[in-house]
Amino acid sequence: MNNKVIVLGIDGLQPSQITQLQMPNLYRMLENGTFFSNHHSVFPTVTRVNTVSMLTGCYPGHHGLVGNTMVIKDYDESLVIPALKPQIESVNKKIKSILLVPNIVDILSNCGMRFAAVNIGSSGNAYLHNQTLSDNGIVIHPEFTIPDIIYPEIISRFGEWPVKSQNDESRLKHAMKIFTSHVLDELNPEVSMFWCNNPDSVQHYSPVGGESSNKALYIVDSQIGRLHKYIETKGRNDLNIVVVSDHGYSTIKGVVDIENFVKSKIVESIKCDEDILVAPNGGSVLFYVNPFNKNTLEILIDRLIAQPWCGNIFASHKDGDVEGTIDLNKIGLNGIR
């Protein structure tokens, strides 16, 4: 019997949240398994960037998906776009692939193996599992499937997806039913993935350790318990579970309107001819000077450094050092995008 792998993605989970009280099933799994302590998120620490790094084995500068929102120069150098399904489809029609490297579906296909996923996160996160629409990759999401021809079949067999809610308990239960009954029982791929959108969704609006956050953890853990029970009941000793998370959380005092700051404090004040494009990504932001002008870049950096809310600034040093910044190579972001 060949061993197979389940990648269990828990969006926004921090190691400190895995306790016997809050997540007894995952805690038990951790106690009986192996914990890898020498790892970290890639930067920016947002979901789609980190998911793609997991599924390609590459840093963002190499795989090309450098933000949840970003500018794709080879698509449209003047446009900031979100990495969601409609936009990814549009990019792929023009430049063939939003990713610059093969992802896990492509790699498995070359070995005659298959991948299947159930994902209740964002449409972009799910679509990027198999954005080349390979025949060897099945993706099931509340809004769509890859291939799209199987969506009616999924709805017919398992019913309509429950309406989205903050803790998404009903959706998560529905997703796990599809995962165990269809993906594991029937498709039985070499690699499968189950992606929970919580505690991330809740923790965007509720503090880590708060009542809502803890309830979301309990709901996720209950589905981990269902998965564990399925494996035991079916005698699926061939299944190995790899538990992953894309990022943790930081407490903030407020939100800064970076785009308005750039427009009012920089672009209008210096009357530059270049556009400064702003792509927010959680607690970080990507800036694009288009077309590139070193003087405009230096003014942008000087104005940012003077702000009390500004942390480290990274820039490409491929054409020489840029004062006040750290080389993008240090965080794996240097690349054609």
Protein backbone atom coordinates (compact mmCIF):
# COMPACT_ATOMS: atom_id res chain seq x y z
CA MET A 1 0.00 0.00 0.00
CA ASN A 2 1.42 3.39 -1.00
CA ASN A 3 1.44 6.11 1.63
CA LYS A 4 -0.64 9.17 0.81
CA VAL A 5 -0.59 12.69 2.19
CA ILE A 6 -3.31 14.99 3.51
CA VAL A 7 -2.27 18.63 3.82
CA LEU A 8 -4.51 20.13 6.50
CA GLY A 9 -4.35 23.91 6.24
CA ILE A 10 -5.64 25.98 9.17
CA ASP A 11 -5.68 29.64 8.18
CA GLY A 12 -4.28 32.03 10.78
CA LEU A 13 -3.46 29.39 13.40
CA GLN A 14 -0.62 30.13 15.82
CA PRO A 15 1.27 27.30 17.60
CA SER A 16 0.37 28.82 20.98
CA GLN A 17 -3.33 28.22 20.22
CA ILE A 18 -2.90 24.45 20.06
CA THR A 19 -3.77 23.55 23.64
CA GLN A 20 -5.46 20.54 25.19
CA LEU A 21 -8.36 22.74 26.26
CA GLN A 22 -8.98 24.64 23.00
CA MET A 23 -8.00 22.06 20.38
CA PRO A 24 -7.90 18.61 22.01
CA ASN A 25 -7.90 16.67 18.73
CA LEU A 26 -5.10 18.66 17.13
CA TYR A 27 -3.20 18.66 20.44
CA ARG A 28 -3.40 14.86 20.55
CA MET A 29 -2.19 14.68 16.96
CA LEU A 30 0.74 16.93 17.87
CA GLU A 31 1.61 14.84 20.92
CA ASN A 32 1.67 11.64 18.85
CA GLY A 33 3.34 13.12 15.78
CA THR A 34 6.35 15.21 14.82
CA PHE A 35 6.56 18.97 15.28
CA PHE A 36 8.77 20.95 12.91
CA SER A 37 10.01 24.02 14.79
CA ASN A 38 12.50 25.45 12.27
CA HIS A 39 10.12 27.11 9.84
CA HIS A 40 8.48 30.47 9.20
CA SER A 41 5.98 32.21 6.95
CA VAL A 42 7.22 33.88 3.79
CA PHE A 43 6.79 37.63 3.37
CA PRO A 44 4.31 39.23 2.89
CA THR A 45 2.67 37.03 5.53
CA VAL A 46 -0.67 36.80 3.76
CA THR A 47 -2.60 33.69 2.79
CA ARG A 48 -2.30 33.39 -0.97
CA VAL A 49 1.42 34.14 -0.99
CA ASN A 50 2.12 31.52 1.66
CA THR A 51 -0.22 28.92 0.18
CA VAL A 52 1.54 29.18 -3.17
CA SER A 53 4.93 28.87 -1.44
CA MET A 54 3.70 25.67 0.23
CA LEU A 55 2.47 24.26 -3.07
CA THR A 56 5.53 25.22 -5.13
CA GLY A 57 8.38 25.05 -2.61
CA CYS A 58 9.53 28.52 -3.67
CA TYR A 59 9.84 31.99 -2.19
CA PRO A 60 7.42 34.58 -3.64
CA GLY A 61 10.05 36.33 -5.75
CA HIS A 62 10.60 33.07 -7.58
CA HIS A 63 7.01 31.80 -7.93
CA GLY A 64 5.65 35.24 -8.86
CA LEU A 65 2.62 35.57 -6.55
CA VAL A 66 4.01 38.33 -4.32
CA GLY A 67 0.82 39.57 -2.65
CA ASN A 68 -2.88 39.11 -2.05
CA THR A 69 -2.99 42.34 -4.06
CA MET A 70 -0.18 43.15 -6.45
CA VAL A 71 0.91 44.55 -9.80
CA ILE A 72 1.72 41.96 -12.45
CA LYS A 73 3.99 43.87 -14.81
CA ASP A 74 3.79 41.32 -17.60
CA TYR A 75 -0.03 41.61 -17.45
CA ASP A 76 -0.65 45.33 -16.80
CA GLU A 77 2.07 47.41 -15.17
CA SER A 78 -0.37 50.20 -14.30
CA LEU A 79 -2.99 48.12 -12.47
CA VAL A 80 -3.19 46.83 -8.88
CA ILE A 81 -5.27 43.65 -8.83
CA PRO A 82 -6.47 41.25 -6.11
CA ALA A 83 -5.41 37.61 -6.49
CA LEU A 84 -8.97 36.29 -6.74
CA LYS A 85 -10.41 33.79 -9.21
CA PRO A 86 -11.79 36.25 -11.83
CA GLN A 87 -8.56 38.25 -11.91
CA ILE A 88 -6.37 35.12 -12.02
CA GLU A 89 -8.41 33.79 -14.95
CA SER A 90 -7.96 37.09 -16.78
CA VAL A 91 -4.21 37.08 -16.16
CA ASN A 92 -3.88 33.49 -17.32
CA LYS A 93 -5.69 34.24 -20.58
CA LYS A 94 -3.10 36.89 -21.41
CA ILE A 95 0.19 35.49 -20.07
CA LYS A 96 -0.66 31.77 -19.77
CA SER A 97 0.06 31.47 -16.04
CA ILE A 98 0.08 33.84 -13.09
CA LEU A 99 2.68 31.56 -11.48
CA LEU A 100 6.21 31.46 -12.83
CA VAL A 101 6.96 27.91 -11.67
CA PRO A 102 5.13 24.55 -11.58
CA ASN A 103 2.89 23.98 -8.56
CA ILE A 104 2.11 20.72 -6.80
CA VAL A 105 -0.48 19.61 -9.39
CA ASP A 106 2.04 20.04 -12.21
CA ILE A 107 4.73 18.20 -10.24
CA LEU A 108 2.42 15.30 -9.36
CA SER A 109 1.11 15.09 -12.93
CA ASN A 110 4.65 14.57 -14.20
CA CYS A 111 4.88 11.57 -11.87
CA GLY A 112 1.50 10.14 -12.87
CA MET A 113 -0.07 11.19 -9.56
CA ARG A 114 -3.16 13.19 -8.62
CA PHE A 115 -4.13 16.04 -6.29
CA ALA A 116 -7.55 16.96 -4.88
CA ALA A 117 -8.60 19.73 -2.50
CA VAL A 118 -11.60 21.06 -0.63
CA ASN A 119 -11.09 24.71 0.29
CA ILE A 120 -13.55 27.12 1.93
CA GLY A 121 -11.14 30.06 1.95
CA SER A 122 -10.98 32.80 -0.68
CA SER A 123 -11.64 31.99 -4.33
CA GLY A 124 -8.07 33.00 -5.17
CA ASN A 125 -6.56 30.69 -2.58
CA ALA A 126 -8.54 27.73 -3.91
CA TYR A 127 -8.06 28.54 -7.60
CA LEU A 128 -4.29 28.75 -7.20
CA HIS A 129 -4.22 25.06 -6.20
CA ASN A 130 -4.73 24.21 -9.87
CA GLN A 131 -4.78 27.45 -11.82
CA THR A 132 -3.54 25.75 -15.01
CA LEU A 133 -6.69 23.56 -14.92
CA SER A 134 -4.73 20.32 -15.12
CA ASP A 135 -6.77 17.13 -15.47
CA ASN A 136 -4.86 15.66 -12.52
CA GLY A 137 -6.04 18.31 -10.06
CA ILE A 138 -9.54 18.49 -8.54
CA VAL A 139 -10.50 21.58 -6.52
CA ILE A 140 -13.83 21.97 -4.71
CA HIS A 141 -14.86 25.40 -3.39
CA PRO A 142 -18.28 26.78 -2.39
CA GLU A 143 -18.32 29.03 -5.49
CA PHE A 144 -16.77 26.76 -8.12
CA THR A 145 -14.91 23.56 -8.89
CA ILE A 146 -11.96 22.63 -11.08
CA PRO A 147 -12.98 21.24 -13.48
CA ASP A 148 -16.21 23.26 -13.53
CA ILE A 149 -18.15 20.32 -14.97
CA ILE A 150 -18.22 18.55 -11.57
CA TYR A 151 -19.84 21.46 -9.66
CA PRO A 152 -23.46 20.37 -10.40
CA GLU A 153 -22.60 16.81 -9.37
CA ILE A 154 -21.19 17.98 -6.02
CA ILE A 155 -24.30 20.08 -5.35
CA SER A 156 -26.60 17.22 -6.39
CA ARG A 157 -24.89 14.70 -4.13
CA PHE A 158 -24.13 16.80 -1.07
CA GLY A 159 -26.62 19.67 -1.30
CA GLU A 160 -26.17 23.42 -1.56
CA TRP A 161 -23.34 24.99 0.40
CA PRO A 162 -24.50 26.57 3.69
CA VAL A 163 -24.61 30.37 3.76
CA LYS A 164 -21.31 31.91 4.83
CA SER A 165 -21.14 33.00 8.48
CA GLN A 166 -18.40 34.40 10.69
CA ASN A 167 -17.33 31.10 12.23
CA ASP A 168 -18.55 29.07 9.23
CA GLU A 169 -19.40 26.02 11.34
CA SER A 170 -21.99 24.72 8.87
CA ARG A 171 -19.73 25.24 5.86
CA LEU A 172 -16.83 23.52 7.58
CA LYS A 173 -18.98 20.47 8.41
CA HIS A 174 -20.25 20.38 4.83
CA ALA A 175 -16.71 20.63 3.47
CA MET A 176 -15.44 17.80 5.67
CA LYS A 177 -18.29 15.56 4.52
CA ILE A 178 -17.29 16.15 0.89
CA PHE A 179 -13.63 15.63 1.76
CA THR A 180 -14.05 12.28 3.49
CA SER A 181 -16.89 10.86 1.37
CA HIS A 182 -15.73 12.00 -2.05
CA VAL A 183 -12.06 13.04 -2.01
CA LEU A 184 -10.67 10.36 0.32
CA ASP A 185 -13.16 7.53 -0.28
CA GLU A 186 -13.63 7.84 -4.04
CA LEU A 187 -10.89 9.95 -5.62
CA ASN A 188 -8.20 8.71 -3.21
CA PRO A 189 -5.44 10.94 -4.65
CA GLU A 190 -1.78 10.71 -3.72
CA VAL A 191 -1.95 14.21 -2.20
CA SER A 192 -5.09 15.91 -0.90
CA MET A 193 -5.66 19.22 0.83
CA PHE A 194 -8.33 20.48 3.20
CA TRP A 195 -8.26 24.22 3.90
CA CYS A 196 -10.09 25.82 6.85
CA ASN A 197 -10.69 29.57 6.61
CA ASN A 198 -10.74 29.89 10.40
CA PRO A 199 -9.53 31.05 12.86
CA ASP A 200 -8.37 33.61 10.27
CA SER A 201 -11.80 34.98 9.31
CA VAL A 202 -12.81 35.49 12.94
CA GLN A 203 -9.45 36.92 14.04
CA HIS A 204 -9.64 39.73 11.50
CA TYR A 205 -12.40 41.19 13.66
CA SER A 206 -11.93 39.58 17.07
CA PRO A 207 -8.76 39.40 19.20
CA VAL A 208 -6.67 36.26 19.50
CA GLY A 209 -7.66 34.55 22.74
CA GLY A 210 -11.11 36.16 22.75
CA GLU A 211 -14.40 34.29 22.93
CA SER A 212 -15.02 34.34 19.16
CA SER A 213 -11.48 33.24 18.36
CA ASN A 214 -11.62 30.38 20.85
CA LYS A 215 -14.99 29.23 19.52
CA ALA A 216 -13.60 29.19 15.98
CA LEU A 217 -10.69 27.04 17.17
CA TYR A 218 -13.09 24.59 18.81
CA ILE A 219 -15.18 24.34 15.62
CA VAL A 220 -12.09 23.67 13.48
CA ASP A 221 -10.85 21.11 15.99
CA SER A 222 -14.16 19.25 15.95
CA GLN A 223 -13.74 18.68 12.20
CA ILE A 224 -10.19 17.47 12.78
CA GLY A 225 -11.79 14.98 15.17
CA ARG A 226 -14.16 13.86 12.39
CA LEU A 227 -11.22 13.36 10.04
CA HIS A 228 -9.34 11.36 12.66
CA LYS A 229 -12.42 9.20 13.30
CA TYR A 230 -12.78 8.57 9.55
CA ILE A 231 -9.16 7.41 9.33
CA GLU A 232 -9.57 5.07 12.32
CA THR A 233 -12.94 3.67 11.21
CA LYS A 234 -11.80 3.05 7.64
CA GLY A 235 -8.43 1.69 8.70
CA ARG A 236 -6.67 4.23 6.49
CA ASN A 237 -3.17 3.66 7.82
CA ASP A 238 -1.87 4.79 4.44
CA LEU A 239 -2.80 8.41 5.19
CA ASN A 240 -0.25 10.83 6.63
CA ILE A 241 -1.50 14.23 7.80
CA VAL A 242 0.68 17.32 7.49
CA VAL A 243 -0.81 20.24 9.45
CA VAL A 244 0.17 23.68 8.16
CA SER A 245 -0.70 27.31 8.80
CA ASP A 246 0.04 30.31 6.63
CA HIS A 247 0.54 33.02 9.26
CA GLY A 248 -0.24 34.14 12.79
CA TYR A 249 -1.56 37.46 14.09
CA SER A 250 -0.37 40.74 15.61
CA THR A 251 -2.43 43.14 17.70
CA ILE A 252 -2.77 46.60 16.14
CA LYS A 253 -3.86 49.97 17.50
CA GLY A 254 -5.34 51.24 14.26
CA VAL A 255 -5.31 51.12 10.47
CA VAL A 256 -3.29 53.54 8.33
CA ASP A 257 -4.69 54.63 4.97
CA ILE A 258 -1.43 54.19 3.07
CA GLU A 259 -2.92 54.92 -0.34
CA ASN A 260 -4.34 58.26 0.80
CA PHE A 261 -1.03 59.09 2.52
CA VAL A 262 0.92 58.48 -0.69
CA LYS A 263 -1.54 60.47 -2.78
CA SER A 264 -1.83 63.48 -0.46
CA LYS A 265 1.63 63.64 1.08
CA ILE A 266 3.83 62.52 -1.79
CA VAL A 267 2.30 62.48 -5.27
CA GLU A 268 0.46 65.80 -4.97
CA SER A 269 3.23 67.56 -3.06
CA ILE A 270 6.14 66.68 -5.37
CA LYS A 271 4.12 66.70 -8.61
CA CYS A 272 5.94 63.65 -9.94
CA ASP A 273 5.25 62.34 -13.42
CA GLU A 274 5.38 58.73 -12.27
CA ASP A 275 2.54 56.77 -10.75
CA ILE A 276 3.13 55.35 -7.28
CA LEU A 277 0.94 52.27 -7.15
CA VAL A 278 -0.07 50.98 -3.73
CA ALA A 279 -0.99 47.34 -3.06
CA PRO A 280 -2.05 46.78 0.59
CA ASN A 281 -1.30 43.35 2.06
CA GLY A 282 -2.43 43.19 5.67
CA GLY A 283 0.23 44.75 7.89
CA SER A 284 2.51 45.33 4.90
CA VAL A 285 2.22 47.14 1.59
CA LEU A 286 3.82 46.85 -1.84
CA PHE A 287 4.80 50.04 -3.70
CA TYR A 288 5.44 50.27 -7.44
CA VAL A 289 6.98 53.38 -9.05
CA ASN A 290 5.77 53.30 -12.66
CA PRO A 291 7.73 54.01 -14.76
CA PHE A 292 10.71 53.57 -12.48
CA ASN A 293 12.41 56.77 -11.36
CA LYS A 294 15.10 56.60 -8.67
CA ASN A 295 14.48 60.16 -7.47
CA THR A 296 10.78 59.45 -6.91
CA LEU A 297 11.71 56.22 -5.12
CA GLU A 298 14.09 58.07 -2.79
CA ILE A 299 11.44 60.67 -1.96
CA LEU A 300 8.93 57.90 -1.22
CA ILE A 301 11.41 56.18 1.10
CA ASP A 302 12.30 59.42 2.91
CA ARG A 303 8.64 60.27 3.54
CA LEU A 304 7.84 56.75 4.73
CA ILE A 305 10.80 56.55 7.12
CA ALA A 306 9.63 59.76 8.80
CA GLN A 307 6.31 58.16 9.80
CA PRO A 308 6.00 56.63 13.29
CA TRP A 309 3.98 53.71 11.89
CA CYS A 310 6.60 52.72 9.31
CA GLY A 311 8.76 49.66 9.96
CA ASN A 312 11.46 48.13 7.76
CA ILE A 313 11.48 49.07 4.09
CA PHE A 314 12.68 46.60 1.46
CA ALA A 315 13.71 47.42 -2.10
CA SER A 316 15.50 45.74 -4.96
CA HIS A 317 19.26 46.31 -4.81
CA LYS A 318 20.00 44.62 -8.14
CA ASP A 319 21.17 47.96 -9.62
CA GLY A 320 22.93 49.12 -6.45
CA ASP A 321 22.14 49.91 -2.81
CA VAL A 322 19.07 51.99 -2.02
CA GLU A 323 19.66 54.06 1.11
CA GLY A 324 17.23 53.43 3.96
CA THR A 325 16.17 50.01 2.67
CA ILE A 326 17.02 46.32 3.03
CA ASP A 327 17.60 44.23 -0.09
CA LEU A 328 14.52 42.27 -1.20
CA ASN A 329 16.79 39.25 -1.66
CA LYS A 330 16.98 38.97 2.14
CA ILE A 331 13.30 37.98 2.26
CA GLY A 332 13.02 36.08 -1.01
CA LEU A 333 11.02 38.75 -2.82
CA ASN A 334 13.44 39.75 -5.57
CA GLY A 335 12.21 38.66 -8.97
CA ILE A 336 10.73 39.87 -12.23
CA ARG A 337 7.63 41.14 -10.40
